[in-house]
PDB file of N, CA and C in Angstrom:
ATOM      1  N   MET A   1     -10.569   2.182   9.242  1.00  0.00           N
ATOM      2  CA  MET A   1     -10.127   1.602   8.074  1.00  0.00           C
ATOM      3  C   MET A   1     -11.637   1.227   7.114  1.00  0.00           C
ATOM      4  N   ARG A   2     -11.244   1.665   5.846  1.00  0.00           N
ATOM      5  CA  ARG A   2     -11.966   1.537   4.991  1.00  0.00           C
ATOM      6  C   ARG A   2     -12.634   0.100   4.730  1.00  0.00           C
ATOM      7  N   LYS A   3     -13.149  -0.437   4.026  1.00  0.00           N
ATOM      8  CA  LYS A   3     -13.728  -1.878   3.608  1.00  0.00           C
ATOM      9  C   LYS A   3     -13.193  -1.840   2.156  1.00  0.00           C
ATOM     10  N   SER A   4     -12.659  -3.113   2.066  1.00  0.00           N
ATOM     11  CA  SER A   4     -12.250  -3.450   0.541  1.00  0.00           C
ATOM     12  C   SER A   4     -12.972  -4.313   0.057  1.00  0.00           C
ATOM     13  N   GLU A   5     -13.359  -4.823  -0.912  1.00  0.00           N
ATOM     14  CA  GLU A   5     -13.926  -6.153  -1.683  1.00  0.00           C
ATOM     15  C   GLU A   5     -12.860  -6.555  -2.555  1.00  0.00           C
ATOM     16  N   SER A   6     -11.887  -5.521  -2.758  1.00  0.00           N
ATOM     17  CA  SER A   6     -11.070  -6.131  -3.929  1.00  0.00           C
ATOM     18  C   SER A   6      -9.723  -6.346  -3.576  1.00  0.00           C
ATOM     19  N   ILE A   7      -9.273  -5.862  -2.483  1.00  0.00           N
ATOM     20  CA  ILE A   7      -7.996  -6.499  -1.880  1.00  0.00           C
ATOM     21  C   ILE A   7      -7.870  -7.792  -0.907  1.00  0.00           C
ATOM     22  N   ASN A   8      -6.902  -8.401  -1.186  1.00  0.00           N
ATOM     23  CA  ASN A   8      -6.909  -9.853  -0.682  1.00  0.00           C
ATOM     24  C   ASN A   8      -6.655  -9.701   0.818  1.00  0.00           C
ATOM     25  N   ASP A   9      -7.543 -10.408   1.641  1.00  0.00           N
ATOM     26  CA  ASP A   9      -8.153 -10.672   2.918  1.00  0.00           C
ATOM     27  C   ASP A   9      -6.527 -10.801   3.546  1.00  0.00           C
ATOM     28  N   ALA A  10      -5.697 -11.676   2.759  1.00  0.00           N
ATOM     29  CA  ALA A  10      -4.443 -12.022   3.751  1.00  0.00           C
ATOM     30  C   ALA A  10      -3.476 -10.981   3.732  1.00  0.00           C
ATOM     31  N   LEU A  11      -3.721  -9.857   2.624  1.00  0.00           N
ATOM     32  CA  LEU A  11      -2.907  -8.648   2.753  1.00  0.00           C
ATOM     33  C   LEU A  11      -3.394  -7.527   3.674  1.00  0.00           C
ATOM     34  N   LYS A  12      -4.454  -7.575   3.812  1.00  0.00           N
ATOM     35  CA  LYS A  12      -4.832  -6.404   5.002  1.00  0.00           C
ATOM     36  C   LYS A  12      -4.187  -6.346   6.143  1.00  0.00           C
ATOM     37  N   PRO A  13      -4.220  -5.134   6.842  1.00  0.00           N
ATOM     38  CA  PRO A  13      -3.359  -4.808   8.021  1.00  0.00           C
ATOM     39  C   PRO A  13      -4.023  -5.668   9.148  1.00  0.00           C
ATOM     40  N   ASP A  14      -3.074  -6.402   9.966  1.00  0.00           N
ATOM     41  CA  ASP A  14      -3.544  -7.067  11.038  1.00  0.00           C
ATOM     42  C   ASP A  14      -4.045  -6.075  12.281  1.00  0.00           C
ATOM     43  N   GLY A  15      -5.218  -6.219  12.704  1.00  0.00           N
ATOM     44  CA  GLY A  15      -5.730  -5.224  13.533  1.00  0.00           C
ATOM     45  C   GLY A  15      -5.087  -5.275  14.850  1.00  0.00           C
ATOM     46  N   LYS A  16      -4.298  -6.526  15.282  1.00  0.00           N
ATOM     47  CA  LYS A  16      -3.766  -6.360  16.621  1.00  0.00           C
ATOM     48  C   LYS A  16      -2.040  -5.569  16.524  1.00  0.00           C
ATOM     49  N   LEU A  17      -1.841  -5.120  15.192  1.00  0.00           N
ATOM     50  CA  LEU A  17      -0.551  -4.582  15.010  1.00  0.00           C
ATOM     51  C   LEU A  17      -0.718  -3.140  14.607  1.00  0.00           C
ATOM     52  N   VAL A  18      -1.647  -2.893  14.060  1.00  0.00           N
ATOM     53  CA  VAL A  18      -1.979  -1.928  13.138  1.00  0.00           C
ATOM     54  C   VAL A  18      -1.881  -0.566  13.773  1.00  0.00           C
ATOM     55  N   LYS A  19      -1.162   0.731  13.502  1.00  0.00           N
ATOM     56  CA  LYS A  19      -1.164   1.987  14.228  1.00  0.00           C
ATOM     57  C   LYS A  19      -1.553   2.988  12.888  1.00  0.00           C
ATOM     58  N   THR A  20      -1.725   4.320  13.238  1.00  0.00           N
ATOM     59  CA  THR A  20      -1.939   5.422  12.222  1.00  0.00           C
ATOM     60  C   THR A  20      -0.761   6.418  12.342  1.00  0.00           C
ATOM     61  N   ALA A  21      -0.934   6.843  11.056  1.00  0.00           N
ATOM     62  CA  ALA A  21      -0.142   8.127  10.681  1.00  0.00           C
ATOM     63  C   ALA A  21      -0.782   9.245  10.019  1.00  0.00           C
ATOM     64  N   ALA A  22      -0.131   9.956   9.626  1.00  0.00           N
ATOM     65  CA  ALA A  22      -0.684  11.048   8.620  1.00  0.00           C
ATOM     66  C   ALA A  22      -2.213  11.560   8.653  1.00  0.00           C
ATOM     67  N   ASN A  23      -2.509  11.816  10.080  1.00  0.00           N
ATOM     68  CA  ASN A  23      -3.908  12.168  10.592  1.00  0.00           C
ATOM     69  C   ASN A  23      -5.051  10.958  10.124  1.00  0.00           C
ATOM     70  N   GLY A  24      -4.518  10.030  10.013  1.00  0.00           N
ATOM     71  CA  GLY A  24      -5.332   8.554  10.038  1.00  0.00           C
ATOM     72  C   GLY A  24      -5.770   8.311   8.570  1.00  0.00           C
ATOM     73  N   GLN A  25      -4.866   8.664   7.946  1.00  0.00           N
ATOM     74  CA  GLN A  25      -4.811   8.438   6.255  1.00  0.00           C
ATOM     75  C   GLN A  25      -4.025   6.831   6.131  1.00  0.00           C
ATOM     76  N   VAL A  26      -3.030   6.697   6.891  1.00  0.00           N
ATOM     77  CA  VAL A  26      -2.161   5.748   6.846  1.00  0.00           C
ATOM     78  C   VAL A  26      -2.319   4.742   8.132  1.00  0.00           C
ATOM     79  N   PHE A  27      -2.200   3.449   7.628  1.00  0.00           N
ATOM     80  CA  PHE A  27      -2.669   2.034   8.376  1.00  0.00           C
ATOM     81  C   PHE A  27      -1.440   1.335   8.385  1.00  0.00           C
ATOM     82  N   TYR A  28      -0.348   1.232   9.359  1.00  0.00           N
ATOM     83  CA  TYR A  28       0.821   0.193   9.355  1.00  0.00           C
ATOM     84  C   TYR A  28       0.670  -0.374   9.998  1.00  0.00           C
ATOM     85  N   GLU A  29       1.453  -1.875   9.833  1.00  0.00           N
ATOM     86  CA  GLU A  29       1.936  -2.698  10.993  1.00  0.00           C
ATOM     87  C   GLU A  29       2.845  -2.462  11.663  1.00  0.00           C
ATOM     88  N   ASP A  30       2.786  -2.142  12.689  1.00  0.00           N
ATOM     89  CA  ASP A  30       4.260  -1.741  13.860  1.00  0.00           C
ATOM     90  C   ASP A  30       4.549  -2.879  14.211  1.00  0.00           C
ATOM     91  N   VAL A  31       5.609  -3.474  13.435  1.00  0.00           N
ATOM     92  CA  VAL A  31       6.233  -4.936  13.969  1.00  0.00           C
ATOM     93  C   VAL A  31       7.998  -3.947  13.934  1.00  0.00           C
ATOM     94  N   ASN A  32       8.956  -5.231  14.634  1.00  0.00           N
ATOM     95  CA  ASN A  32      10.115  -4.663  14.365  1.00  0.00           C
ATOM     96  C   ASN A  32      10.965  -6.622  14.386  1.00  0.00           C
ATOM     97  N   PHE A  33      11.027  -6.653  13.308  1.00  0.00           N
ATOM     98  CA  PHE A  33      11.764  -7.874  12.762  1.00  0.00           C
ATOM     99  C   PHE A  33      13.114  -7.297  12.517  1.00  0.00           C
ATOM    100  N   MET A  34      13.845  -8.136  12.134  1.00  0.00           N
ATOM    101  CA  MET A  34      15.398  -8.041  11.807  1.00  0.00           C
ATOM    102  C   MET A  34      15.271  -7.490  10.435  1.00  0.00           C
ATOM    103  N   PHE A  35      14.407  -8.087   9.542  1.00  0.00           N
ATOM    104  CA  PHE A  35      14.312  -7.404   8.187  1.00  0.00           C
ATOM    105  C   PHE A  35      13.207  -6.295   8.027  1.00  0.00           C
ATOM    106  N   LEU A  36      12.208  -6.033   8.742  1.00  0.00           N
ATOM    107  CA  LEU A  36      11.068  -5.188   8.915  1.00  0.00           C
ATOM    108  C   LEU A  36      10.749  -4.280  10.081  1.00  0.00           C
ATOM    109  N   SER A  37      10.364  -2.953   9.606  1.00  0.00           N
ATOM    110  CA  SER A  37      10.350  -2.224  11.051  1.00  0.00           C
ATOM    111  C   SER A  37       8.866  -1.478  10.835  1.00  0.00           C
ATOM    112  N   GLY A  38       8.422  -1.382  11.647  1.00  0.00           N
ATOM    113  CA  GLY A  38       7.060  -0.188  11.593  1.00  0.00           C
ATOM    114  C   GLY A  38       7.464   1.027  11.016  1.00  0.00           C
ATOM    115  N   GLU A  39       8.589   1.706  11.659  1.00  0.00           N
ATOM    116  CA  GLU A  39       9.044   2.708  11.240  1.00  0.00           C
ATOM    117  C   GLU A  39       9.314   3.116   9.608  1.00  0.00           C
ATOM    118  N   ASP A  40       9.904   2.131   9.185  1.00  0.00           N
ATOM    119  CA  ASP A  40      10.156   2.086   7.616  1.00  0.00           C
ATOM    120  C   ASP A  40       8.808   1.862   7.093  1.00  0.00           C
ATOM    121  N   MET A  41       7.822   1.156   7.533  1.00  0.00           N
ATOM    122  CA  MET A  41       6.675   0.991   6.726  1.00  0.00           C
ATOM    123  C   MET A  41       5.501   2.215   6.911  1.00  0.00           C
ATOM    124  N   LYS A  42       5.855   2.887   7.834  1.00  0.00           N
ATOM    125  CA  LYS A  42       5.227   4.104   8.171  1.00  0.00           C
ATOM    126  C   LYS A  42       5.976   5.342   7.371  1.00  0.00           C
ATOM    127  N   ALA A  43       7.151   5.332   7.116  1.00  0.00           N
ATOM    128  CA  ALA A  43       7.949   6.114   6.077  1.00  0.00           C
ATOM    129  C   ALA A  43       7.158   6.089   4.846  1.00  0.00           C
ATOM    130  N   ALA A  44       6.901   4.780   4.258  1.00  0.00           N
ATOM    131  CA  ALA A  44       6.497   4.331   3.064  1.00  0.00           C
ATOM    132  C   ALA A  44       5.151   4.806   3.033  1.00  0.00           C
ATOM    133  N   GLY A  45       4.405   4.661   3.952  1.00  0.00           N
ATOM    134  CA  GLY A  45       2.895   5.061   3.819  1.00  0.00           C
ATOM    135  C   GLY A  45       2.959   6.638   3.732  1.00  0.00           C
ATOM    136  N   ILE A  46       3.563   7.304   4.598  1.00  0.00           N
ATOM    137  CA  ILE A  46       3.611   8.799   4.230  1.00  0.00           C
ATOM    138  C   ILE A  46       3.967   9.452   2.872  1.00  0.00           C
ATOM    139  N   MET A  47       5.180   8.830   2.352  1.00  0.00           N
ATOM    140  CA  MET A  47       5.255   8.961   1.104  1.00  0.00           C
ATOM    141  C   MET A  47       4.216   8.641  -0.209  1.00  0.00           C
ATOM    142  N   LEU A  48       3.427   7.778   0.144  1.00  0.00           N
ATOM    143  CA  LEU A  48       2.138   7.450  -0.777  1.00  0.00           C
ATOM    144  C   LEU A  48       1.106   8.575  -0.333  1.00  0.00           C
ATOM    145  N   ALA A  49       0.683   8.863   0.745  1.00  0.00           N
ATOM    146  CA  ALA A  49      -0.250   9.695   1.623  1.00  0.00           C
ATOM    147  C   ALA A  49       0.095  11.173   0.857  1.00  0.00           C
ATOM    148  N   GLN A  50       1.293  11.338   0.990  1.00  0.00           N
ATOM    149  CA  GLN A  50       1.727  12.876   0.258  1.00  0.00           C
ATOM    150  C   GLN A  50       1.398  12.951  -1.070  1.00  0.00           C
ATOM    151  N   ALA A  51       1.538  11.745  -1.834  1.00  0.00           N
ATOM    152  CA  ALA A  51       1.246  11.569  -3.558  1.00  0.00           C
ATOM    153  C   ALA A  51      -0.111  11.462  -3.678  1.00  0.00           C
ATOM    154  N   PHE A  52      -0.964  10.892  -2.933  1.00  0.00           N
ATOM    155  CA  PHE A  52      -2.475  10.411  -3.250  1.00  0.00           C
ATOM    156  C   PHE A  52      -3.069  10.680  -1.905  1.00  0.00           C
ATOM    157  N   SER A  53      -3.260  12.181  -1.792  1.00  0.00           N
ATOM    158  CA  SER A  53      -3.991  12.524  -0.779  1.00  0.00           C
ATOM    159  C   SER A  53      -5.593  12.214  -0.519  1.00  0.00           C
ATOM    160  N   ASP A  54      -6.141  11.354  -1.482  1.00  0.00           N
ATOM    161  CA  ASP A  54      -7.553  11.125  -1.545  1.00  0.00           C
ATOM    162  C   ASP A  54      -7.742   9.772  -1.098  1.00  0.00           C
ATOM    163  N   TYR A  55      -6.744   8.917  -0.914  1.00  0.00           N
ATOM    164  CA  TYR A  55      -6.593   7.610  -0.830  1.00  0.00           C
ATOM    165  C   TYR A  55      -5.992   7.164   0.680  1.00  0.00           C
ATOM    166  N   GLU A  56      -6.779   6.113   1.448  1.00  0.00           N
ATOM    167  CA  GLU A  56      -6.360   5.673   2.457  1.00  0.00           C
ATOM    168  C   GLU A  56      -5.664   4.525   1.897  1.00  0.00           C
ATOM    169  N   ILE A  57      -4.135   4.644   3.010  1.00  0.00           N
ATOM    170  CA  ILE A  57      -3.013   3.924   2.792  1.00  0.00           C
ATOM    171  C   ILE A  57      -2.922   2.824   3.976  1.00  0.00           C
ATOM    172  N   TRP A  58      -2.701   1.763   3.022  1.00  0.00           N
ATOM    173  CA  TRP A  58      -2.614   0.354   4.211  1.00  0.00           C
ATOM    174  C   TRP A  58      -1.103  -0.146   3.861  1.00  0.00           C
ATOM    175  N   VAL A  59      -0.207  -0.203   4.826  1.00  0.00           N
ATOM    176  CA  VAL A  59       1.236  -0.842   4.696  1.00  0.00           C
ATOM    177  C   VAL A  59       1.476  -1.920   5.372  1.00  0.00           C
ATOM    178  N   THR A  60       1.347  -3.033   4.784  1.00  0.00           N
ATOM    179  CA  THR A  60       1.940  -4.631   5.597  1.00  0.00           C
ATOM    180  C   THR A  60       3.341  -4.908   5.165  1.00  0.00           C
ATOM    181  N   GLY A  61       3.628  -5.991   5.822  1.00  0.00           N
ATOM    182  CA  GLY A  61       4.609  -6.842   5.326  1.00  0.00           C
ATOM    183  C   GLY A  61       4.949  -7.865   6.105  1.00  0.00           C
ATOM    184  N   GLY A  62       5.850  -8.625   5.815  1.00  0.00           N
ATOM    185  CA  GLY A  62       6.274 -10.056   6.327  1.00  0.00           C
ATOM    186  C   GLY A  62       7.069 -11.021   5.782  1.00  0.00           C
ATOM    187  N   PRO A  63       7.333 -11.977   6.226  1.00  0.00           N
ATOM    188  CA  PRO A  63       8.547 -13.101   5.345  1.00  0.00           C
ATOM    189  C   PRO A  63       7.863 -13.832   4.542  1.00  0.00           C
ATOM    190  N   TRP A  64       8.400 -14.732   3.822  1.00  0.00           N
ATOM    191  CA  TRP A  64       7.800 -15.354   2.639  1.00  0.00           C
ATOM    192  C   TRP A  64       7.429 -14.781   1.381  1.00  0.00           C
ATOM    193  N   ARG A  65       7.824 -14.020   1.074  1.00  0.00           N
ATOM    194  CA  ARG A  65       7.175 -13.019  -0.120  1.00  0.00           C
ATOM    195  C   ARG A  65       8.244 -13.400  -1.344  1.00  0.00           C
ATOM    196  N   GLY A  66       7.757 -13.327  -2.779  1.00  0.00           N
ATOM    197  CA  GLY A  66       8.516 -13.230  -3.724  1.00  0.00           C
ATOM    198  C   GLY A  66       8.923 -12.218  -4.230  1.00  0.00           C
ATOM    199  N   TYR A  67       8.954 -11.152  -3.506  1.00  0.00           N
ATOM    200  CA  TYR A  67       9.024  -9.511  -3.912  1.00  0.00           C
ATOM    201  C   TYR A  67       9.507  -8.741  -2.688  1.00  0.00           C
ATOM    202  N   ASP A  68      10.128  -7.548  -3.535  1.00  0.00           N
ATOM    203  CA  ASP A  68      10.700  -6.676  -2.109  1.00  0.00           C
ATOM    204  C   ASP A  68       9.354  -5.809  -2.158  1.00  0.00           C
ATOM    205  N   VAL A  69       8.543  -5.191  -2.985  1.00  0.00           N
ATOM    206  CA  VAL A  69       7.358  -4.573  -2.520  1.00  0.00           C
ATOM    207  C   VAL A  69       6.247  -4.659  -3.692  1.00  0.00           C
ATOM    208  N   LYS A  70       5.032  -4.976  -3.190  1.00  0.00           N
ATOM    209  CA  LYS A  70       4.114  -5.053  -4.093  1.00  0.00           C
ATOM    210  C   LYS A  70       2.958  -4.123  -3.525  1.00  0.00           C
ATOM    211  N   TYR A  71       1.910  -3.766  -4.926  1.00  0.00           N
ATOM    212  CA  TYR A  71       0.799  -2.590  -4.085  1.00  0.00           C
ATOM    213  C   TYR A  71      -0.408  -3.473  -4.836  1.00  0.00           C
ATOM    214  N   ASP A  72      -1.732  -2.474  -4.495  1.00  0.00           N
ATOM    215  CA  ASP A  72      -2.954  -3.104  -5.051  1.00  0.00           C
ATOM    216  C   ASP A  72      -3.478  -1.715  -4.967  1.00  0.00           C
ATOM    217  N   VAL A  73      -4.444  -1.375  -5.794  1.00  0.00           N
ATOM    218  CA  VAL A  73      -5.393  -0.465  -5.560  1.00  0.00           C
ATOM    219  C   VAL A  73      -6.869  -0.836  -5.742  1.00  0.00           C
ATOM    220  N   ASP A  74      -7.532  -0.233  -4.590  1.00  0.00           N
ATOM    221  CA  ASP A  74      -8.960  -0.337  -4.584  1.00  0.00           C
ATOM    222  C   ASP A  74      -9.499   0.756  -5.112  1.00  0.00           C
ATOM    223  N   MET A  75      -9.831   0.994  -6.402  1.00  0.00           N
ATOM    224  CA  MET A  75     -10.445   2.464  -6.892  1.00  0.00           C
ATOM    225  C   MET A  75     -11.518   2.931  -6.393  1.00  0.00           C
ATOM    226  N   LYS A  76     -12.520   1.801  -5.953  1.00  0.00           N
ATOM    227  CA  LYS A  76     -13.956   2.289  -5.538  1.00  0.00           C
ATOM    228  C   LYS A  76     -13.669   2.515  -4.068  1.00  0.00           C
ATOM    229  N   ALA A  77     -12.833   1.994  -3.302  1.00  0.00           N
ATOM    230  CA  ALA A  77     -12.895   2.118  -1.897  1.00  0.00           C
ATOM    231  C   ALA A  77     -11.810   3.192  -1.428  1.00  0.00           C
ATOM    232  N   LYS A  78     -11.154   3.507  -2.734  1.00  0.00           N
ATOM    233  CA  LYS A  78     -10.034   4.687  -2.712  1.00  0.00           C
ATOM    234  C   LYS A  78      -9.069   4.178  -1.175  1.00  0.00           C
ATOM    235  N   ILE A  79      -8.365   3.037  -1.807  1.00  0.00           N
ATOM    236  CA  ILE A  79      -7.343   2.412  -0.959  1.00  0.00           C
ATOM    237  C   ILE A  79      -6.221   1.912  -1.423  1.00  0.00           C
ATOM    238  N   ILE A  80      -5.059   2.308  -1.395  1.00  0.00           N
ATOM    239  CA  ILE A  80      -3.674   1.861  -1.972  1.00  0.00           C
ATOM    240  C   ILE A  80      -3.251   1.045  -0.631  1.00  0.00           C
ATOM    241  N   LEU A  81      -2.825  -0.365  -0.934  1.00  0.00           N
ATOM    242  CA  LEU A  81      -2.301  -1.443  -0.238  1.00  0.00           C
ATOM    243  C   LEU A  81      -0.877  -1.570  -0.860  1.00  0.00           C
ATOM    244  N   LEU A  82       0.329  -1.496   0.233  1.00  0.00           N
ATOM    245  CA  LEU A  82       1.816  -1.579  -0.198  1.00  0.00           C
ATOM    246  C   LEU A  82       1.940  -2.680   0.823  1.00  0.00           C
ATOM    247  N   ASP A  83       2.831  -3.581   0.312  1.00  0.00           N
ATOM    248  CA  ASP A  83       3.058  -4.932   0.751  1.00  0.00           C
ATOM    249  C   ASP A  83       4.677  -5.245   0.792  1.00  0.00           C
ATOM    250  N   PHE A  84       5.112  -5.240   1.786  1.00  0.00           N
ATOM    251  CA  PHE A  84       6.600  -5.316   1.637  1.00  0.00           C
ATOM    252  C   PHE A  84       7.073  -6.993   2.227  1.00  0.00           C
ATOM    253  N   TYR A  85       8.214  -7.359   1.669  1.00  0.00           N
ATOM    254  CA  TYR A  85       9.203  -8.104   2.169  1.00  0.00           C
ATOM    255  C   TYR A  85      10.261  -7.843   3.279  1.00  0.00           C
ATOM    256  N   SER A  86      10.465  -6.738   2.763  1.00  0.00           N
ATOM    257  CA  SER A  86      11.351  -5.944   3.359  1.00  0.00           C
ATOM    258  C   SER A  86      11.307  -4.626   2.842  1.00  0.00           C
ATOM    259  N   PRO A  87      11.044  -3.262   3.857  1.00  0.00           N
ATOM    260  CA  PRO A  87      11.042  -2.164   3.176  1.00  0.00           C
ATOM    261  C   PRO A  87      12.386  -1.331   2.955  1.00  0.00           C
ATOM    262  N   ARG A  88      13.554  -2.000   3.724  1.00  0.00           N
ATOM    263  CA  ARG A  88      14.546  -1.697   3.380  1.00  0.00           C
ATOM    264  C   ARG A  88      15.121  -1.406   1.957  1.00  0.00           C
ATOM    265  N   PRO A  89      15.212  -2.611   1.124  1.00  0.00           N
ATOM    266  CA  PRO A  89      15.329  -2.552  -0.406  1.00  0.00           C
ATOM    267  C   PRO A  89      14.237  -1.963  -1.118  1.00  0.00           C
ATOM    268  N   GLY A  90      12.943  -2.179  -0.536  1.00  0.00           N
ATOM    269  CA  GLY A  90      11.695  -1.661  -1.222  1.00  0.00           C
ATOM    270  C   GLY A  90      11.710  -0.322  -1.006  1.00  0.00           C
ATOM    271  N   LEU A  91      11.968   0.467  -0.116  1.00  0.00           N
ATOM    272  CA  LEU A  91      11.864   1.710  -0.308  1.00  0.00           C
ATOM    273  C   LEU A  91      12.542   2.449  -1.349  1.00  0.00           C
ATOM    274  N   ARG A  92      13.535   2.078  -1.973  1.00  0.00           N
ATOM    275  CA  ARG A  92      14.197   2.262  -3.109  1.00  0.00           C
ATOM    276  C   ARG A  92      13.235   2.979  -4.445  1.00  0.00           C
ATOM    277  N   PHE A  93      12.322   1.532  -4.225  1.00  0.00           N
ATOM    278  CA  PHE A  93      11.488   1.678  -5.493  1.00  0.00           C
ATOM    279  C   PHE A  93       9.974   2.433  -5.157  1.00  0.00           C
ATOM    280  N   MET A  94      10.113   3.430  -4.100  1.00  0.00           N
ATOM    281  CA  MET A  94       9.064   3.972  -3.978  1.00  0.00           C
ATOM    282  C   MET A  94       8.590   5.265  -5.199  1.00  0.00           C
ATOM    283  N   LYS A  95       9.417   5.684  -5.582  1.00  0.00           N
ATOM    284  CA  LYS A  95       9.337   6.632  -6.661  1.00  0.00           C
ATOM    285  C   LYS A  95       8.922   6.290  -7.915  1.00  0.00           C
ATOM    286  N   ASP A  96       9.089   4.765  -8.285  1.00  0.00           N
ATOM    287  CA  ASP A  96       8.611   3.963  -9.057  1.00  0.00           C
ATOM    288  C   ASP A  96       7.302   3.412  -9.081  1.00  0.00           C
ATOM    289  N   VAL A  97       7.007   2.796  -7.577  1.00  0.00           N
ATOM    290  CA  VAL A  97       5.606   2.467  -7.246  1.00  0.00           C
ATOM    291  C   VAL A  97       4.934   3.723  -7.653  1.00  0.00           C
ATOM    292  N   ILE A  98       5.331   4.970  -6.922  1.00  0.00           N
ATOM    293  CA  ILE A  98       3.959   6.127  -7.082  1.00  0.00           C
ATOM    294  C   ILE A  98       3.712   6.368  -8.507  1.00  0.00           C
ATOM    295  N   THR A  99       5.018   6.442  -9.441  1.00  0.00           N
ATOM    296  CA  THR A  99       4.910   6.437 -10.795  1.00  0.00           C
ATOM    297  C   THR A  99       3.736   5.546 -11.373  1.00  0.00           C
ATOM    298  N   GLU A 100       3.930   4.258 -11.124  1.00  0.00           N
ATOM    299  CA  GLU A 100       2.936   3.188 -11.601  1.00  0.00           C
ATOM    300  C   GLU A 100       1.460   3.207 -11.006  1.00  0.00           C
ATOM    301  N   ILE A 101       1.414   3.652  -9.901  1.00  0.00           N
ATOM    302  CA  ILE A 101       0.175   3.952  -9.446  1.00  0.00           C
ATOM    303  C   ILE A 101      -0.468   5.139  -9.708  1.00  0.00           C
ATOM    304  N   ARG A 102       0.217   6.204 -10.033  1.00  0.00           N
ATOM    305  CA  ARG A 102      -0.405   7.422 -10.712  1.00  0.00           C
ATOM    306  C   ARG A 102      -0.945   6.969 -12.304  1.00  0.00           C
ATOM    307  N   ALA A 103      -0.250   6.185 -12.993  1.00  0.00           N
ATOM    308  CA  ALA A 103      -0.266   5.850 -14.262  1.00  0.00           C
ATOM    309  C   ALA A 103      -1.805   4.838 -14.116  1.00  0.00           C
ATOM    310  N   LYS A 104      -1.998   4.014 -13.203  1.00  0.00           N
ATOM    311  CA  LYS A 104      -2.902   3.210 -13.198  1.00  0.00           C
ATOM    312  C   LYS A 104      -4.321   3.727 -12.541  1.00  0.00           C
ATOM    313  N   LEU A 105      -4.291   4.750 -11.978  1.00  0.00           N
ATOM    314  CA  LEU A 105      -5.119   5.616 -11.547  1.00  0.00           C
ATOM    315  C   LEU A 105      -5.826   6.545 -12.930  1.00  0.00           C
ATOM    316  N   ASP A 106      -5.006   6.930 -13.390  1.00  0.00           N
ATOM    317  CA  ASP A 106      -5.107   7.851 -15.016  1.00  0.00           C
ATOM    318  C   ASP A 106      -5.779   7.020 -15.882  1.00  0.00           C
ATOM    319  N   GLU A 107      -5.814   5.645 -15.779  1.00  0.00           N
ATOM    320  CA  GLU A 107      -6.149   4.705 -17.035  1.00  0.00           C
ATOM    321  C   GLU A 107      -7.538   5.107 -17.271  1.00  0.00           C
ATOM    322  N   LYS A 108      -8.138   4.912 -18.549  1.00  0.00           N
ATOM    323  CA  LYS A 108      -9.269   5.123 -18.804  1.00  0.00           C
ATOM    324  C   LYS A 108      -9.849   3.915 -18.783  1.00  0.00           C
ATOM    325  N   PRO A 109     -11.547   3.559 -18.563  1.00  0.00           N
ATOM    326  CA  PRO A 109     -11.992   2.401 -18.548  1.00  0.00           C
ATOM    327  C   PRO A 109     -12.217   2.107 -20.035  1.00  0.00           C
ATOM    328  N   LYS A 110     -12.100   0.611 -20.172  1.00  0.00           N
ATOM    329  CA  LYS A 110     -11.733   0.257 -21.533  1.00  0.00           C
ATOM    330  C   LYS A 110     -13.366   0.198 -21.981  1.00  0.00           C
ATOM    331  N   VAL A 111     -13.571   0.550 -23.381  1.00  0.00           N
ATOM    332  CA  VAL A 111     -14.897   0.528 -24.092  1.00  0.00           C
ATOM    333  C   VAL A 111     -14.955  -0.577 -25.001  1.00  0.00           C
ATOM    334  N   ASN A 112     -15.936  -1.709 -24.844  1.00  0.00           N
ATOM    335  CA  ASN A 112     -16.325  -2.565 -25.654  1.00  0.00           C
ATOM    336  C   ASN A 112     -16.855  -2.234 -27.226  1.00  0.00           C
ATOM    337  N   ASP A 113     -16.063  -2.083 -28.018  1.00  0.00           N
ATOM    338  CA  ASP A 113     -16.229  -1.648 -29.437  1.00  0.00           C
ATOM    339  C   ASP A 113     -17.152  -2.812 -30.338  1.00  0.00           C
ATOM    340  N   ASP A 114     -17.156  -3.941 -29.593  1.00  0.00           N
ATOM    341  CA  ASP A 114     -18.075  -4.948 -30.534  1.00  0.00           C
ATOM    342  C   ASP A 114     -19.401  -4.638 -30.620  1.00  0.00           C
ATOM    343  N   VAL A 115     -20.030  -3.772 -30.009  1.00  0.00           N
ATOM    344  CA  VAL A 115     -21.291  -3.838 -29.651  1.00  0.00           C
ATOM    345  C   VAL A 115     -22.034  -2.963 -30.469  1.00  0.00           C
TER     346      VAL A 115
END
């Protein structure tokens, strides 16, 4: 896995639970809870990998989150983090997530016109 300075350490995949998919492009936590499965997280990671082939994909999840799915992008390290409370409802938002990430990656840096 690449190193990221901008993604919160608490959301990085747990090294004890991590597995890979998509020829090492996707890192996901292989868990099996009633509300969260490694197979669902793997599926979501593969969707992102197909959409963003230049990026390493991290997929994590767990209880006590105030959202179904959240993402973060480290453009410098070329990492996309996807964090689920539960992928079952979260998977239905994947098209929207991919669209939002694509828009974020297409944003141009802001120029300070005051200088």
